[in-house]
Amino acid sequence: MDRTTSTTIVIAVILLALVGMVLGWRGRQKRQAHLPRPDAVPADTGAELFSADAFYVATTLADDELNRVAVSGLGFRARATVTVTEAGVILSLAGTPEVFIARAALRTIDRATYTIDRVVEKGGLVRLAWALGATPVDSYLRLTDPADATALIDAVNPLFPTPAPLEGDAT
């Protein structure tokens, strides 16, 4: 086999792999076509409670850390700024429109160790669980300054509604 034939075979295999990747991504987008676009940031978000630089790792379907959401810029890793306001959380991802997560859509916030294509030290990721329309999803962030992870969790926790006391509770 001469050099030209070998080179042609290698290029063909690479092109075939790239076509497979593109077709796979388009298939994922079609399967997730029922998911709505994230909300735009409203005009009035109230006071800013916290802001920090982060690395946006991924948004996945809830409790399925290996099933990436491919909707409106949420499918790609990016540098980000996460801002907590009285109205909710704003994710400013490089190269995409800002994503607004209203406080009514928030489900929980905690620490994680892994998600799709990222494994870090124990608790090195912040997992923000929220609802994209009616679909529960989890967004994973790695804060640039590790101390900001605790501050982010502390800023988001008051946004969750407090449960109503049960009848007969003396509180």
C-alpha atoms as a PDB file:
ATOM      1  CA  MET A   1       0.000   0.000   0.000  1.00  0.00           C
ATOM      2  CA  ASP A   2       1.511   3.338  -0.978  1.00  0.00           C
ATOM      3  CA  ARG A   3       1.485   6.518   1.058  1.00  0.00           C
ATOM      4  CA  THR A   4      -1.357   8.146  -0.914  1.00  0.00           C
ATOM      5  CA  THR A   5      -3.708   5.217  -0.297  1.00  0.00           C
ATOM      6  CA  SER A   6      -2.901   5.180   3.435  1.00  0.00           C
ATOM      7  CA  THR A   7      -3.478   8.919   3.724  1.00  0.00           C
ATOM      8  CA  THR A   8      -6.771   8.670   1.838  1.00  0.00           C
ATOM      9  CA  ILE A   9      -7.993   5.898   4.168  1.00  0.00           C
ATOM     10  CA  VAL A  10      -7.073   7.890   7.292  1.00  0.00           C
ATOM     11  CA  ILE A  11      -8.797  11.029   5.975  1.00  0.00           C
ATOM     12  CA  ALA A  12     -11.899   9.002   5.055  1.00  0.00           C
ATOM     13  CA  VAL A  13     -12.079   7.499   8.564  1.00  0.00           C
ATOM     14  CA  ILE A  14     -11.720  10.946  10.161  1.00  0.00           C
ATOM     15  CA  LEU A  15     -14.428  12.414   7.919  1.00  0.00           C
ATOM     16  CA  LEU A  16     -16.710   9.457   8.673  1.00  0.00           C
ATOM     17  CA  ALA A  17     -16.213  10.020  12.413  1.00  0.00           C
ATOM     18  CA  LEU A  18     -16.986  13.745  12.060  1.00  0.00           C
ATOM     19  CA  VAL A  19     -20.140  13.033  10.041  1.00  0.00           C
ATOM     20  CA  GLY A  20     -21.195  10.527  12.715  1.00  0.00           C
ATOM     21  CA  MET A  21     -20.699  13.122  15.436  1.00  0.00           C
ATOM     22  CA  VAL A  22     -22.756  15.736  13.563  1.00  0.00           C
ATOM     23  CA  LEU A  23     -25.556  13.258  12.867  1.00  0.00           C
ATOM     24  CA  GLY A  24     -25.537  12.129  16.508  1.00  0.00           C
ATOM     25  CA  TRP A  25     -25.802  15.731  17.758  1.00  0.00           C
ATOM     26  CA  ARG A  26     -28.658  16.477  15.354  1.00  0.00           C
ATOM     27  CA  GLY A  27     -30.424  13.323  16.508  1.00  0.00           C
ATOM     28  CA  ARG A  28     -30.093  14.447  20.136  1.00  0.00           C
ATOM     29  CA  GLN A  29     -31.532  17.845  19.239  1.00  0.00           C
ATOM     30  CA  LYS A  30     -34.488  16.188  17.475  1.00  0.00           C
ATOM     31  CA  ARG A  31     -35.148  13.899  20.450  1.00  0.00           C
ATOM     32  CA  GLN A  32     -35.142  16.966  22.702  1.00  0.00           C
ATOM     33  CA  ALA A  33     -37.213  19.184  20.416  1.00  0.00           C
ATOM     34  CA  HIS A  34     -40.034  19.093  22.989  1.00  0.00           C
ATOM     35  CA  LEU A  35     -37.868  21.034  25.449  1.00  0.00           C
ATOM     36  CA  PRO A  36     -38.561  24.778  25.463  1.00  0.00           C
ATOM     37  CA  ARG A  37     -35.902  27.448  25.164  1.00  0.00           C
ATOM     38  CA  PRO A  38     -34.724  28.792  28.521  1.00  0.00           C
ATOM     39  CA  ASP A  39     -36.371  32.014  29.692  1.00  0.00           C
ATOM     40  CA  ALA A  40     -34.849  35.361  28.767  1.00  0.00           C
ATOM     41  CA  VAL A  41     -33.772  37.634  31.585  1.00  0.00           C
ATOM     42  CA  PRO A  42     -36.727  39.821  32.640  1.00  0.00           C
ATOM     43  CA  ALA A  43     -36.417  43.587  32.840  1.00  0.00           C
ATOM     44  CA  ASP A  44     -36.655  43.615  36.634  1.00  0.00           C
ATOM     45  CA  THR A  45     -34.759  40.903  38.473  1.00  0.00           C
ATOM     46  CA  GLY A  46     -34.574  42.676  41.816  1.00  0.00           C
ATOM     47  CA  ALA A  47     -31.415  43.126  43.836  1.00  0.00           C
ATOM     48  CA  GLU A  48     -28.294  41.160  43.003  1.00  0.00           C
ATOM     49  CA  LEU A  49     -27.499  38.761  45.852  1.00  0.00           C
ATOM     50  CA  PHE A  50     -24.363  37.076  44.482  1.00  0.00           C
ATOM     51  CA  SER A  51     -22.209  36.928  41.365  1.00  0.00           C
ATOM     52  CA  ALA A  52     -19.134  34.879  40.477  1.00  0.00           C
ATOM     53  CA  ASP A  53     -17.152  33.567  37.539  1.00  0.00           C
ATOM     54  CA  ALA A  54     -17.525  29.886  36.781  1.00  0.00           C
ATOM     55  CA  PHE A  55     -17.052  27.203  34.205  1.00  0.00           C
ATOM     56  CA  TYR A  56     -20.383  25.965  32.905  1.00  0.00           C
ATOM     57  CA  VAL A  57     -19.939  22.216  32.515  1.00  0.00           C
ATOM     58  CA  ALA A  58     -23.297  20.894  31.312  1.00  0.00           C
ATOM     59  CA  THR A  59     -27.031  20.711  31.722  1.00  0.00           C
ATOM     60  CA  THR A  60     -28.401  17.190  31.855  1.00  0.00           C
ATOM     61  CA  LEU A  61     -31.803  15.639  32.316  1.00  0.00           C
ATOM     62  CA  ALA A  62     -32.509  15.377  36.055  1.00  0.00           C
ATOM     63  CA  ASP A  63     -30.697  12.567  37.828  1.00  0.00           C
ATOM     64  CA  ASP A  64     -29.241  11.375  34.517  1.00  0.00           C
ATOM     65  CA  GLU A  65     -25.722  12.814  34.627  1.00  0.00           C
ATOM     66  CA  LEU A  66     -24.807  11.316  31.254  1.00  0.00           C
ATOM     67  CA  ASN A  67     -27.714  12.662  29.180  1.00  0.00           C
ATOM     68  CA  ARG A  68     -26.762  16.155  28.016  1.00  0.00           C
ATOM     69  CA  VAL A  69     -29.429  18.720  27.125  1.00  0.00           C
ATOM     70  CA  ALA A  70     -28.780  20.160  23.661  1.00  0.00           C
ATOM     71  CA  VAL A  71     -31.155  23.138  23.762  1.00  0.00           C
ATOM     72  CA  SER A  72     -30.267  26.746  22.987  1.00  0.00           C
ATOM     73  CA  GLY A  73     -26.615  26.907  24.006  1.00  0.00           C
ATOM     74  CA  LEU A  74     -26.966  24.654  27.050  1.00  0.00           C
ATOM     75  CA  GLY A  75     -25.254  21.814  25.202  1.00  0.00           C
ATOM     76  CA  PHE A  76     -21.746  23.257  25.199  1.00  0.00           C
ATOM     77  CA  ARG A  77     -19.216  23.918  27.947  1.00  0.00           C
ATOM     78  CA  ALA A  78     -18.354  27.581  28.390  1.00  0.00           C
ATOM     79  CA  ARG A  79     -16.937  30.202  30.661  1.00  0.00           C
ATOM     80  CA  ALA A  80     -19.795  31.716  32.591  1.00  0.00           C
ATOM     81  CA  THR A  81     -20.901  34.227  35.138  1.00  0.00           C
ATOM     82  CA  VAL A  82     -23.542  33.037  37.551  1.00  0.00           C
ATOM     83  CA  THR A  83     -25.635  35.779  39.146  1.00  0.00           C
ATOM     84  CA  VAL A  84     -28.217  35.241  41.864  1.00  0.00           C
ATOM     85  CA  THR A  85     -30.951  37.867  42.112  1.00  0.00           C
ATOM     86  CA  GLU A  86     -34.164  38.153  44.087  1.00  0.00           C
ATOM     87  CA  ALA A  87     -36.074  36.844  41.045  1.00  0.00           C
ATOM     88  CA  GLY A  88     -33.848  33.853  40.270  1.00  0.00           C
ATOM     89  CA  VAL A  89     -30.509  32.810  38.786  1.00  0.00           C
ATOM     90  CA  ILE A  90     -28.910  34.191  35.629  1.00  0.00           C
ATOM     91  CA  LEU A  91     -26.363  32.107  33.719  1.00  0.00           C
ATOM     92  CA  SER A  92     -24.308  34.242  31.351  1.00  0.00           C
ATOM     93  CA  LEU A  93     -22.610  31.707  29.099  1.00  0.00           C
ATOM     94  CA  ALA A  94     -19.945  32.934  26.699  1.00  0.00           C
ATOM     95  CA  GLY A  95     -21.270  33.063  23.149  1.00  0.00           C
ATOM     96  CA  THR A  96     -24.957  32.428  23.959  1.00  0.00           C
ATOM     97  CA  PRO A  97     -27.891  34.502  25.210  1.00  0.00           C
ATOM     98  CA  GLU A  98     -28.260  34.696  28.974  1.00  0.00           C
ATOM     99  CA  VAL A  99     -30.339  31.982  30.612  1.00  0.00           C
ATOM    100  CA  PHE A 100     -32.755  32.993  33.348  1.00  0.00           C
ATOM    101  CA  ILE A 101     -33.905  30.431  35.894  1.00  0.00           C
ATOM    102  CA  ALA A 102     -36.879  31.887  37.751  1.00  0.00           C
ATOM    103  CA  ARG A 103     -37.055  31.149  41.450  1.00  0.00           C
ATOM    104  CA  ALA A 104     -40.296  29.203  40.833  1.00  0.00           C
ATOM    105  CA  ALA A 105     -38.357  26.852  38.522  1.00  0.00           C
ATOM    106  CA  LEU A 106     -35.597  26.138  41.062  1.00  0.00           C
ATOM    107  CA  ARG A 107     -35.728  22.694  42.670  1.00  0.00           C
ATOM    108  CA  THR A 108     -32.533  22.337  44.709  1.00  0.00           C
ATOM    109  CA  ILE A 109     -28.842  23.185  44.821  1.00  0.00           C
ATOM    110  CA  ASP A 110     -26.075  20.966  46.120  1.00  0.00           C
ATOM    111  CA  ARG A 111     -22.605  19.607  45.374  1.00  0.00           C
ATOM    112  CA  ALA A 112     -21.640  16.972  42.817  1.00  0.00           C
ATOM    113  CA  THR A 113     -18.492  15.122  41.861  1.00  0.00           C
ATOM    114  CA  TYR A 114     -19.197  14.156  38.265  1.00  0.00           C
ATOM    115  CA  THR A 115     -21.356  14.737  35.232  1.00  0.00           C
ATOM    116  CA  ILE A 116     -20.953  14.031  31.542  1.00  0.00           C
ATOM    117  CA  ASP A 117     -17.280  14.407  30.501  1.00  0.00           C
ATOM    118  CA  ARG A 118     -16.209  15.910  33.837  1.00  0.00           C
ATOM    119  CA  VAL A 119     -15.033  14.269  37.062  1.00  0.00           C
ATOM    120  CA  VAL A 120     -13.551  16.422  39.814  1.00  0.00           C
ATOM    121  CA  GLU A 121     -12.700  16.145  43.488  1.00  0.00           C
ATOM    122  CA  LYS A 122     -15.544  15.295  45.847  1.00  0.00           C
ATOM    123  CA  GLY A 123     -18.047  18.171  45.830  1.00  0.00           C
ATOM    124  CA  GLY A 124     -16.071  20.146  43.238  1.00  0.00           C
ATOM    125  CA  LEU A 125     -19.146  20.928  41.123  1.00  0.00           C
ATOM    126  CA  VAL A 126     -22.270  22.824  42.076  1.00  0.00           C
ATOM    127  CA  ARG A 127     -25.451  21.147  40.811  1.00  0.00           C
ATOM    128  CA  LEU A 128     -28.360  23.502  40.279  1.00  0.00           C
ATOM    129  CA  ALA A 129     -31.559  21.509  39.781  1.00  0.00           C
ATOM    130  CA  TRP A 130     -34.368  23.365  38.020  1.00  0.00           C
ATOM    131  CA  ALA A 131     -37.257  22.902  35.619  1.00  0.00           C
ATOM    132  CA  LEU A 132     -36.896  23.700  31.917  1.00  0.00           C
ATOM    133  CA  GLY A 133     -40.582  24.018  31.145  1.00  0.00           C
ATOM    134  CA  ALA A 134     -42.054  20.846  32.649  1.00  0.00           C
ATOM    135  CA  THR A 135     -38.791  18.873  32.356  1.00  0.00           C
ATOM    136  CA  PRO A 136     -36.533  18.689  35.412  1.00  0.00           C
ATOM    137  CA  VAL A 137     -32.877  19.322  34.543  1.00  0.00           C
ATOM    138  CA  ASP A 138     -29.583  19.707  36.392  1.00  0.00           C
ATOM    139  CA  SER A 139     -26.973  22.339  35.509  1.00  0.00           C
ATOM    140  CA  TYR A 140     -23.410  21.821  36.674  1.00  0.00           C
ATOM    141  CA  LEU A 141     -20.997  24.656  37.432  1.00  0.00           C
ATOM    142  CA  ARG A 142     -17.392  24.680  38.554  1.00  0.00           C
ATOM    143  CA  LEU A 143     -16.712  27.946  40.338  1.00  0.00           C
ATOM    144  CA  THR A 144     -13.388  29.607  39.572  1.00  0.00           C
ATOM    145  CA  ASP A 145     -12.787  30.264  43.275  1.00  0.00           C
ATOM    146  CA  PRO A 146     -13.727  27.185  45.338  1.00  0.00           C
ATOM    147  CA  ALA A 147     -14.894  29.411  48.219  1.00  0.00           C
ATOM    148  CA  ASP A 148     -17.546  30.855  45.889  1.00  0.00           C
ATOM    149  CA  ALA A 149     -19.263  27.451  45.684  1.00  0.00           C
ATOM    150  CA  THR A 150     -20.443  27.677  49.277  1.00  0.00           C
ATOM    151  CA  ALA A 151     -21.389  31.336  48.815  1.00  0.00           C
ATOM    152  CA  LEU A 152     -23.435  30.436  45.706  1.00  0.00           C
ATOM    153  CA  ILE A 153     -25.312  27.699  47.559  1.00  0.00           C
ATOM    154  CA  ASP A 154     -25.948  30.059  50.472  1.00  0.00           C
ATOM    155  CA  ALA A 155     -27.257  32.741  48.087  1.00  0.00           C
ATOM    156  CA  VAL A 156     -29.631  30.393  46.230  1.00  0.00           C
ATOM    157  CA  ASN A 157     -31.062  28.555  49.274  1.00  0.00           C
ATOM    158  CA  PRO A 158     -33.249  31.490  50.452  1.00  0.00           C
ATOM    159  CA  LEU A 159     -34.924  31.567  47.016  1.00  0.00           C
ATOM    160  CA  PHE A 160     -36.619  28.231  47.652  1.00  0.00           C
ATOM    161  CA  PRO A 161     -40.124  28.547  49.077  1.00  0.00           C
ATOM    162  CA  THR A 162     -40.440  27.602  52.703  1.00  0.00           C
ATOM    163  CA  PRO A 163     -42.886  24.764  53.201  1.00  0.00           C
ATOM    164  CA  ALA A 164     -46.193  25.696  54.786  1.00  0.00           C
ATOM    165  CA  PRO A 165     -46.571  24.404  58.337  1.00  0.00           C
ATOM    166  CA  LEU A 166     -48.793  21.362  58.731  1.00  0.00           C
ATOM    167  CA  GLU A 167     -52.137  21.761  60.435  1.00  0.00           C
ATOM    168  CA  GLY A 168     -51.785  21.422  64.160  1.00  0.00           C
ATOM    169  CA  ASP A 169     -48.103  22.431  64.188  1.00  0.00           C
ATOM    170  CA  ALA A 170     -47.374  24.908  66.912  1.00  0.00           C
ATOM    171  CA  THR A 171     -44.615  26.993  65.403  1.00  0.00           C
END
